[in-house]
Protein backbone atom coordinates (compact mmCIF):
# COMPACT_ATOMS: atom_id res chain seq x y z
CA MET A 1 150.55 104.14 102.01
CA GLU A 2 149.73 100.67 103.10
CA GLY A 3 150.55 99.18 99.71
CA ALA A 4 154.12 100.62 99.97
CA ALA A 5 154.60 98.92 103.31
CA THR A 6 153.24 95.45 102.37
CA TYR A 7 154.47 95.09 98.83
CA CYS A 8 156.74 92.06 99.19
CA LEU A 9 157.31 89.56 96.37
CA HIS A 10 160.59 88.42 97.67
CA PRO A 11 161.78 85.97 100.33
CA PRO A 12 163.63 87.11 103.38
CA CYS A 13 167.29 87.84 102.89
CA GLY A 14 169.58 84.81 102.72
CA LEU A 15 166.80 82.50 101.80
CA ASP A 16 166.98 82.51 98.07
CA PRO A 17 170.29 81.62 96.32
CA LEU A 18 169.16 83.91 93.54
CA GLU A 19 168.42 86.71 95.83
CA PRO A 20 170.83 89.22 94.14
CA LEU A 21 168.58 89.04 91.06
CA HIS A 22 165.59 89.97 93.16
CA ARG A 23 166.98 93.07 94.71
CA SER A 24 165.99 95.18 91.82
CA MET A 25 162.69 95.93 93.40
CA THR A 26 163.12 99.46 94.69
CA ASP A 27 161.11 102.00 96.60
CA ALA A 28 160.59 103.92 93.33
CA HIS A 29 157.86 101.54 92.33
CA ALA A 30 156.92 100.02 95.72
CA THR A 31 153.42 101.50 95.46
CA GLY A 32 152.54 98.92 92.85
CA PRO A 33 153.86 96.25 90.56
CA SER A 34 156.05 97.28 87.68
CA HIS A 35 156.49 95.91 84.16
CA ARG A 36 159.83 94.48 85.44
CA ASP A 37 157.91 92.58 88.15
CA ILE A 38 155.41 90.92 85.75
CA VAL A 39 158.37 89.91 83.38
CA ARG A 40 160.37 88.51 86.29
CA LEU A 41 157.49 86.42 87.42
CA SER A 42 156.20 85.36 84.12
CA LEU A 43 159.34 84.26 82.27
CA PRO A 44 160.17 81.32 84.52
CA LEU A 45 156.56 80.21 84.42
CA ILE A 46 156.54 80.44 80.63
CA ALA A 47 159.75 78.40 80.50
CA SER A 48 158.34 75.92 82.95
CA ASN A 49 155.07 75.60 80.94
CA LEU A 50 156.83 75.07 77.68
CA THR A 51 158.73 72.03 79.15
CA VAL A 52 155.42 70.31 79.82
CA PRO A 53 155.10 68.60 76.33
CA LEU A 54 158.67 67.26 76.64
CA ILE A 55 157.82 64.24 78.77
CA GLY A 56 155.09 63.15 76.43
CA LEU A 57 157.44 63.44 73.47
CA VAL A 58 160.22 61.43 75.15
CA ASP A 59 157.82 58.74 76.30
CA THR A 60 156.40 58.49 72.77
CA ALA A 61 159.91 58.52 71.21
CA VAL A 62 161.20 55.74 73.50
CA ALA A 63 158.06 53.67 73.10
CA GLY A 64 158.09 54.29 69.34
CA HIS A 65 161.50 52.68 68.99
CA LEU A 66 160.54 49.47 70.56
CA PRO A 67 159.87 46.47 68.29
CA GLN A 68 156.25 46.10 69.46
CA ALA A 69 153.84 48.75 68.24
CA SER A 70 151.54 47.66 71.00
CA VAL A 71 153.74 49.50 73.64
CA LEU A 72 153.27 52.81 71.86
CA ALA A 73 149.58 52.37 71.48
CA ALA A 74 149.30 51.26 75.19
CA VAL A 75 151.14 54.35 76.44
CA ALA A 76 148.97 56.64 74.30
CA ALA A 77 145.78 54.95 75.71
CA ALA A 78 147.05 54.98 79.38
CA SER A 79 148.26 58.59 79.06
CA ALA A 80 144.87 59.71 77.88
CA VAL A 81 143.33 58.15 81.07
CA SER A 82 145.99 59.38 83.46
CA SER A 83 145.85 62.84 82.02
CA VAL A 84 142.06 63.05 82.60
CA VAL A 85 142.43 61.86 86.23
CA LEU A 86 145.61 63.69 87.33
CA ILE A 87 145.47 66.83 85.29
CA GLY A 88 141.86 67.13 86.28
CA LEU A 89 143.16 67.56 89.85
CA ASN A 90 145.24 70.54 88.91
CA PHE A 91 142.85 72.71 90.68
CA LEU A 92 145.03 72.02 93.76
CA ARG A 93 147.78 74.04 92.20
CA MET A 94 145.47 76.93 91.43
CA SER A 95 143.62 77.16 94.68
CA THR A 96 146.91 76.92 96.67
CA SER A 97 148.39 79.69 94.50
CA GLY A 98 145.55 82.16 95.03
CA LEU A 99 145.16 81.62 98.78
CA THR A 100 148.90 81.67 99.39
CA ALA A 101 149.27 84.85 97.39
CA GLN A 102 146.59 86.54 99.53
CA ALA A 103 148.11 85.42 102.91
CA HIS A 104 151.60 86.41 101.70
CA GLY A 105 150.32 89.80 100.62
CA ALA A 106 148.80 90.39 104.03
CA GLN A 107 152.28 89.62 105.54
CA ASP A 108 150.83 86.67 107.51
CA PRO A 109 153.42 83.83 107.31
CA GLY A 110 151.40 81.74 109.74
CA GLN A 111 148.35 81.82 107.45
CA THR A 112 150.57 81.24 104.41
CA TRP A 113 151.86 77.97 105.88
CA LEU A 114 148.36 76.92 107.05
CA VAL A 115 147.26 77.19 103.34
CA PHE A 116 150.10 74.96 102.30
CA PHE A 117 149.46 72.34 105.01
CA ARG A 118 145.73 72.25 104.42
CA SER A 119 146.24 71.87 100.62
CA ALA A 120 148.93 69.16 101.25
CA ILE A 121 146.48 67.17 103.49
CA LEU A 122 143.72 67.45 100.86
CA ALA A 123 146.21 66.40 98.14
CA LEU A 124 147.25 63.30 100.17
CA ALA A 125 143.68 62.43 100.81
CA LEU A 126 142.69 62.54 97.14
CA ALA A 127 145.89 60.77 96.15
CA GLY A 128 145.03 57.94 98.62
CA ILE A 129 141.71 57.49 96.94
CA LEU A 130 143.37 57.26 93.50
CA VAL A 131 145.89 54.66 94.74
CA LEU A 132 143.21 52.55 96.28
CA ALA A 133 141.00 52.84 93.30
CA ARG A 134 143.73 52.54 90.60
CA TYR A 135 142.54 49.08 89.36
CA ALA A 136 139.03 50.23 88.87
CA ILE A 137 140.20 53.51 87.23
CA ALA A 138 142.38 51.54 84.77
CA SER A 139 139.64 49.06 83.98
CA VAL A 140 136.95 51.68 83.38
CA GLY A 141 139.23 54.15 81.55
CA ILE A 142 140.73 51.67 79.18
CA SER A 143 137.28 50.01 78.53
CA LEU A 144 136.08 53.41 77.39
CA ILE A 145 138.87 53.77 74.93
CA ALA A 146 138.48 50.12 73.92
CA PRO A 147 141.91 49.31 72.39
CA PRO A 148 142.74 45.78 71.14
CA GLY A 149 143.32 43.12 73.82
CA GLU A 150 147.11 43.21 74.07
CA VAL A 151 147.18 46.97 74.04
CA ALA A 152 144.54 47.17 76.75
CA ALA A 153 146.46 44.80 79.06
CA LEU A 154 149.63 46.89 78.64
CA ALA A 155 147.78 50.16 79.16
CA LYS A 156 146.38 48.83 82.39
CA GLU A 157 149.73 47.66 83.58
CA TYR A 158 151.05 51.24 82.94
CA LEU A 159 148.09 52.85 84.84
CA HIS A 160 148.51 50.36 87.81
CA ILE A 161 151.89 51.65 88.35
CA ARG A 162 151.47 55.37 87.29
CA LEU A 163 148.69 55.92 89.84
CA LEU A 164 150.91 54.70 92.60
CA GLY A 165 152.72 58.04 92.13
CA ALA A 166 149.52 60.13 92.72
CA PRO A 167 150.74 61.37 96.12
CA LEU A 168 153.89 62.71 94.59
CA THR A 169 151.97 64.29 91.67
CA LEU A 170 149.51 66.11 93.84
CA LEU A 171 152.09 67.18 96.30
CA SER A 172 154.20 68.61 93.49
CA MET A 173 151.06 70.56 92.34
CA VAL A 174 150.56 72.03 95.90
CA SER A 175 154.24 72.95 96.16
CA MET A 176 154.26 74.67 92.80
CA GLY A 177 151.13 76.60 93.86
CA PHE A 178 152.73 77.60 97.11
CA PHE A 179 155.90 78.90 95.44
CA ILE A 180 154.02 80.67 92.70
CA GLY A 181 151.77 82.30 95.34
CA VAL A 182 154.75 83.74 97.37
CA GLY A 183 156.29 85.08 94.20
CA ARG A 184 159.08 82.43 93.76
CA PRO A 185 158.45 81.12 90.20
CA LYS A 186 162.01 80.14 89.62
CA ILE A 187 161.54 77.26 92.17
CA ALA A 188 158.53 76.05 90.13
CA LEU A 189 160.89 76.03 87.14
CA ILE A 190 163.54 74.21 89.12
CA MET A 191 160.85 71.55 90.06
CA THR A 192 159.83 71.09 86.38
CA ILE A 193 163.43 70.82 85.16
CA ALA A 194 164.34 68.29 87.86
CA SER A 195 161.17 66.25 87.06
CA ASN A 196 161.92 66.34 83.33
CA LEU A 197 165.62 65.33 83.56
CA VAL A 198 165.11 62.47 85.92
CA ASN A 199 162.13 61.23 83.79
CA VAL A 200 164.05 61.30 80.53
CA GLY A 201 167.06 59.66 82.25
CA LEU A 202 164.94 56.89 83.71
CA ASP A 203 163.07 56.47 80.42
CA LEU A 204 166.43 55.64 78.72
CA LEU A 205 167.75 53.49 81.61
CA LEU A 206 164.66 51.41 82.29
CA VAL A 207 163.23 50.84 78.80
CA PRO A 208 166.03 50.42 76.17
CA GLY A 209 168.59 49.80 78.79
CA LEU A 210 167.01 47.27 81.18
CA GLY A 211 164.14 46.24 78.86
CA TRP A 212 161.39 46.96 81.33
CA GLY A 213 159.00 48.06 78.58
CA VAL A 214 155.75 49.76 79.43
CA SER A 215 156.33 49.34 83.23
CA GLY A 216 159.65 51.17 82.80
CA LEU A 217 157.84 54.19 81.28
CA ALA A 218 155.46 54.32 84.26
CA TRP A 219 158.24 54.01 86.83
CA ALA A 220 160.27 56.70 84.99
CA THR A 221 157.28 59.08 85.34
CA ILE A 222 157.00 58.33 89.08
CA GLY A 223 160.78 58.98 89.47
CA GLY A 224 160.31 62.34 87.76
CA GLU A 225 157.47 63.35 90.19
CA LEU A 226 159.63 62.19 93.09
CA ALA A 227 162.46 64.45 91.75
CA ALA A 228 160.01 67.47 91.63
CA VAL A 229 159.07 66.99 95.26
CA LEU A 230 162.68 66.46 96.51
CA SER A 231 163.81 69.50 94.67
CA ALA A 232 161.21 71.56 96.34
CA LEU A 233 161.88 70.21 99.82
CA PRO A 234 165.03 72.29 100.72
CA PHE A 235 163.41 75.47 99.66
CA LEU A 236 160.33 74.60 101.75
CA VAL A 237 162.61 73.90 104.73
CA GLN A 238 164.59 77.15 104.18
CA ARG A 239 161.44 79.17 103.99
CA TRP A 240 159.92 77.58 107.11
CA ARG A 241 163.05 78.39 109.09
CA ALA A 242 163.22 81.99 107.77
CA ASP A 243 159.62 82.54 108.68
CA THR A 244 160.12 81.14 112.24
CA VAL A 245 156.51 79.93 112.19
CA ILE A 246 155.08 77.58 114.78
CA LEU A 247 152.29 75.50 113.22
CA ASP A 248 148.93 76.20 114.94
CA THR A 249 147.43 72.71 114.76
CA GLN A 250 144.05 73.93 116.06
CA ALA A 251 143.84 76.62 113.37
CA LEU A 252 144.99 74.01 110.79
CA TRP A 253 141.53 72.32 111.22
CA ASN A 254 139.57 75.62 111.22
CA ALA A 255 136.19 74.76 109.78
CA PRO A 256 135.51 77.92 107.87
CA ALA A 257 138.96 77.81 106.27
CA TRP A 258 138.45 74.24 105.20
CA ARG A 259 135.00 75.14 103.66
CA LYS A 260 136.55 78.02 101.67
CA LEU A 261 139.27 75.56 100.46
CA LEU A 262 136.94 72.77 99.53
CA SER A 263 134.35 75.09 97.98
CA GLY A 264 137.01 76.76 95.83
CA ASN A 265 138.50 73.39 94.75
CA ALA A 266 134.98 72.08 93.98
CA ASP A 267 134.31 75.04 91.69
CA LEU A 268 137.72 74.51 89.97
CA TRP A 269 137.08 70.87 89.50
CA ILE A 270 133.73 71.54 87.84
CA ARG A 271 135.49 74.09 85.65
CA THR A 272 138.08 71.46 84.68
CA LEU A 273 135.45 68.96 83.82
CA CYS A 274 133.67 71.49 81.53
CA LEU A 275 136.98 72.27 79.86
CA THR A 276 138.07 68.71 79.31
CA GLY A 277 134.54 67.85 78.12
CA SER A 278 134.53 70.65 75.60
CA PHE A 279 137.89 69.55 74.20
CA ALA A 280 136.69 65.98 73.96
CA VAL A 281 133.56 67.17 72.02
CA PHE A 282 135.99 69.11 69.73
CA ALA A 283 138.14 65.99 69.12
CA ARG A 284 134.93 63.82 68.48
CA GLN A 285 133.50 66.30 66.00
CA ALA A 286 136.80 66.59 64.15
CA ALA A 287 136.93 62.82 63.95
CA GLN A 288 133.60 62.76 62.21
CA LEU A 289 134.93 64.90 59.37
CA GLY A 290 137.46 62.21 58.36
CA GLU A 291 141.05 61.17 58.83
CA THR A 292 142.50 64.19 57.08
CA ALA A 293 140.44 66.60 59.16
CA LEU A 294 141.25 64.94 62.33
CA ALA A 295 145.04 64.91 61.62
CA ALA A 296 144.88 68.71 60.50
CA ASN A 297 143.10 69.57 63.71
CA ALA A 298 145.69 67.64 65.75
CA VAL A 299 148.45 69.85 64.18
CA LEU A 300 146.59 73.07 64.76
CA LEU A 301 145.84 72.12 68.32
CA GLN A 302 149.60 71.80 68.94
CA LEU A 303 149.88 75.44 67.82
CA GLN A 304 146.93 76.23 70.15
CA ALA A 305 148.72 74.44 73.04
CA LEU A 306 151.93 76.34 72.41
CA MET A 307 150.17 79.62 72.51
CA SER A 308 148.29 78.65 75.72
CA TYR A 309 151.64 77.63 77.45
CA GLY A 310 152.97 81.15 76.74
CA LEU A 311 149.95 83.13 77.68
CA ASP A 312 149.60 81.08 80.85
CA GLY A 313 152.94 82.44 82.14
CA PHE A 314 151.38 85.99 82.30
CA ALA A 315 148.20 84.51 83.76
CA ASN A 316 150.31 82.87 86.53
CA ALA A 317 152.00 86.26 87.18
CA ALA A 318 148.55 87.84 87.49
CA GLU A 319 147.67 85.23 90.14
CA VAL A 320 150.63 86.40 92.22
CA LEU A 321 150.32 90.15 91.82
CA VAL A 322 146.60 90.28 92.09
CA GLY A 323 146.46 87.77 95.11
CA GLN A 324 149.25 89.69 97.03
CA ALA A 325 147.66 93.10 96.39
CA LEU A 326 144.25 91.93 97.56
CA GLY A 327 145.89 90.25 100.64
CA ALA A 328 147.39 93.68 101.37
CA ARG A 329 143.85 95.21 100.86
CA ASP A 330 145.38 97.59 98.38
CA GLY A 331 142.88 98.40 95.69
CA PRO A 332 144.95 100.73 93.43
CA ARG A 333 147.76 98.06 93.50
CA THR A 334 145.33 95.36 92.49
CA LYS A 335 143.95 97.43 89.54
CA ARG A 336 147.42 98.14 88.42
CA ALA A 337 148.39 94.47 88.54
CA ILE A 338 145.32 93.70 86.40
CA ARG A 339 146.20 96.34 83.86
CA LEU A 340 149.86 95.15 83.57
CA ALA A 341 148.75 91.52 83.19
CA MET A 342 146.36 92.50 80.38
CA GLN A 343 148.89 94.67 78.58
CA TRP A 344 151.59 91.98 78.47
CA SER A 345 149.18 89.15 77.72
CA LEU A 346 147.70 91.19 74.79
CA GLY A 347 151.21 91.98 73.51
CA LEU A 348 152.17 88.32 73.59
CA ALA A 349 148.86 87.34 71.84
CA LEU A 350 149.63 89.83 69.09
CA LEU A 351 153.00 88.29 68.54
CA PHE A 352 151.48 84.75 68.31
CA SER A 353 148.98 86.09 65.81
CA ALA A 354 151.80 87.61 63.70
CA LEU A 355 153.78 84.25 64.11
CA PHE A 356 150.80 82.24 62.81
CA ALA A 357 150.05 84.63 60.07
CA LEU A 358 153.63 84.91 58.71
CA GLY A 359 155.05 81.49 59.69
CA GLY A 360 152.06 79.18 60.21
CA HIS A 361 152.51 77.38 56.92
CA PRO A 362 156.32 76.73 57.44
CA ILE A 363 155.67 75.59 60.96
CA VAL A 364 153.06 73.01 59.83
CA ALA A 365 155.47 71.92 57.05
CA LEU A 366 157.92 71.02 59.82
CA MET A 367 155.32 68.98 61.52
CA THR A 368 154.01 67.05 58.56
CA ASP A 369 155.01 66.38 54.87
CA LEU A 370 151.61 64.95 53.93
CA PRO A 371 150.21 67.27 51.18
CA GLU A 372 146.56 66.69 52.05
CA ILE A 373 147.10 67.65 55.69
CA ARG A 374 149.13 70.70 54.73
CA LEU A 375 146.30 71.77 52.49
CA ALA A 376 143.64 71.17 55.22
CA THR A 377 145.67 73.31 57.72
CA ALA A 378 146.16 76.05 55.21
CA SER A 379 142.44 76.58 54.74
CA LEU A 380 142.04 76.82 58.61
CA MET A 381 145.06 78.94 59.33
CA PRO A 382 143.02 82.16 59.40
CA TRP A 383 141.25 80.75 62.59
CA MET A 384 144.61 80.00 64.04
CA VAL A 385 145.70 83.68 63.43
CA LEU A 386 142.46 84.93 65.13
CA SER A 387 142.73 82.47 68.06
CA PRO A 388 145.32 84.30 70.16
CA LEU A 389 143.40 87.61 70.15
CA ILE A 390 140.30 85.86 71.29
CA SER A 391 141.72 83.27 73.64
CA VAL A 392 144.03 85.75 75.47
CA TRP A 393 141.14 87.21 77.52
CA ALA A 394 139.95 83.85 79.00
CA PHE A 395 143.59 82.97 80.00
CA THR A 396 144.41 86.24 81.59
CA TYR A 397 141.13 86.62 83.47
CA ASP A 398 141.57 83.26 84.73
CA GLY A 399 144.78 84.22 86.45
CA ILE A 400 143.25 87.39 87.78
CA PHE A 401 140.28 85.38 89.29
CA ILE A 402 142.58 82.82 90.70
CA GLY A 403 144.47 85.44 92.45
CA GLY A 404 141.24 86.81 93.82
CA THR A 405 140.01 83.27 94.69
CA TRP A 406 136.77 84.20 92.81
CA THR A 407 136.28 80.54 91.73
CA ARG A 408 132.51 80.53 91.39
CA SER A 409 132.75 83.04 88.56
CA MET A 410 135.36 80.91 86.83
CA ARG A 411 133.19 77.80 87.16
CA ASN A 412 130.15 79.65 85.75
CA SER A 413 132.12 81.15 82.85
CA VAL A 414 133.30 77.80 81.67
CA ALA A 415 129.98 76.09 82.14
CA ALA A 416 128.32 78.91 80.02
CA ALA A 417 131.13 78.68 77.43
CA ALA A 418 130.67 74.89 77.17
CA VAL A 419 126.93 75.19 76.54
CA THR A 420 127.63 77.89 73.92
CA PHE A 421 130.20 75.68 72.29
CA CYS A 422 127.95 72.60 72.08
CA VAL A 423 125.03 74.67 70.61
CA ALA A 424 127.43 76.37 68.15
CA VAL A 425 128.84 73.04 66.92
CA TRP A 426 125.26 71.72 66.37
CA ALA A 427 124.35 74.86 64.42
CA LEU A 428 127.57 75.50 62.40
CA GLN A 429 129.42 72.37 61.71
CA GLY A 430 126.75 70.95 59.43
CA PRO A 431 126.63 73.87 57.00
CA PHE A 432 130.25 75.01 57.30
CA GLY A 433 132.22 71.79 58.23
CA GLN A 434 135.66 72.43 59.87
CA HIS A 435 135.23 76.19 59.70
CA GLY A 436 132.06 75.95 61.73
CA LEU A 437 133.76 73.74 64.21
CA TRP A 438 136.63 76.23 64.61
CA ALA A 439 134.14 79.13 64.92
CA ALA A 440 132.38 77.31 67.74
CA PHE A 441 135.68 76.57 69.35
CA LEU A 442 136.74 80.30 69.43
CA MET A 443 133.21 81.11 70.79
CA PHE A 444 134.10 78.90 73.70
CA PHE A 445 137.02 81.22 74.57
CA ALA A 446 135.17 84.36 73.76
CA VAL A 447 132.28 83.54 76.13
CA ARG A 448 134.71 82.81 78.96
CA GLY A 449 136.48 86.17 78.47
CA ILE A 450 133.23 88.19 78.15
CA TRP A 451 131.74 86.45 81.25
CA LEU A 452 134.70 87.19 83.44
CA ALA A 453 135.17 90.71 82.21
CA VAL A 454 131.56 91.52 83.34
CA ALA A 455 131.96 89.47 86.53
CA LEU A 456 135.12 91.46 87.48
CA ARG A 457 133.23 94.68 87.82
CA GLY A 458 133.11 95.76 91.45
CA LYS A 459 135.08 92.70 92.75
CA VAL A 460 138.27 94.60 93.59
CA ASP A 461 136.59 97.41 95.47
CA ALA A 462 134.39 94.86 97.33
CA ALA A 463 137.33 92.74 98.27
CA VAL A 464 139.47 95.61 99.71
CA GLY A 465 136.42 97.24 101.18
């Protein structure tokens, strides 16, 4: 069977220092991915995802212990702008992952590396634009937030430095996408850990140690991004040598390949704009309900983020397994990968629902001791219990569609969900307040899941032809 011959989630022997852990893949399940495979892929990615909030917490803690409150406010304002700009370009990671997985599944090392280099070139081009436009981005972004004068000046200082690191940030995204696509999630975890450790160390050295203030926080973040890229470099070199590939420079600039890359990235960029726009509308509508409502929603959104980091691990595993199976043109293996991803994601969603049902109130109590906020979150906790069971489908289908590089459907699903969300907010928030807002929020995820479930019909068979 073709799938048995091409099923390869592991690097060549001698490439991976953790290779003995990978040898558990046996011929007994070589015809398709196993439960062990999806756990092996997802656990490092879940761990990597869960470290994401660490840097923001450390930056906040370091800035919060400075005598000037303006530094903390400036970091918050600047981080909001940089997140929109840089996280909005995370489509580079997703497109690289899907295309790499398909090329790797087809056992085509040359094409796998062409995907990497094309994505890296695109990343550097976009980063160059950000570096050149950093003063304009800082000016416009901070003016939209409109903090007080001293805070605005410090926030702009942070952004002027932070955006200098855009090439490192975007190359890190591409490298992570590459390693996820070839089934090496532990390297993505290594990159994240290296970035976090260096960032935290430089935060402590440059800010309280050398007194660099807000500029020290920005340089620490750049240092972390540099650490991520440098930690990936030896693994990239090892894999390049193991694959014994000679780069085809003519194929590198192949017009159809570039059109596919740019088209997919454009779809994902529009998707990201719809996502961030919807979350911005949620925050704005929550703010209109008063200070207590805004604070309560901020607490609950932290629980939503925790859940999404966990579920994204299985979605990332789906990217790998589905992409590689499609690259091998193995329909049964692709469908099994989809079923496994769904089973594990749903299982984790049930655990999150149980956690929020049984422990939601104690978790909130750890996050705030203000009685009015605790009371407000308690009334909304049933929505939080329901959220994992509704959100899980959107997250998991996203991973499946990234693996299939079916980006147009992803774009359309989020656009439809954003429109539904805005209409539902208009119709429900007035009569039902916060409960109406959360009902609309969960509709946003439900529409995405339903849209992609319908769109998936027939795609696998058409792709493997």
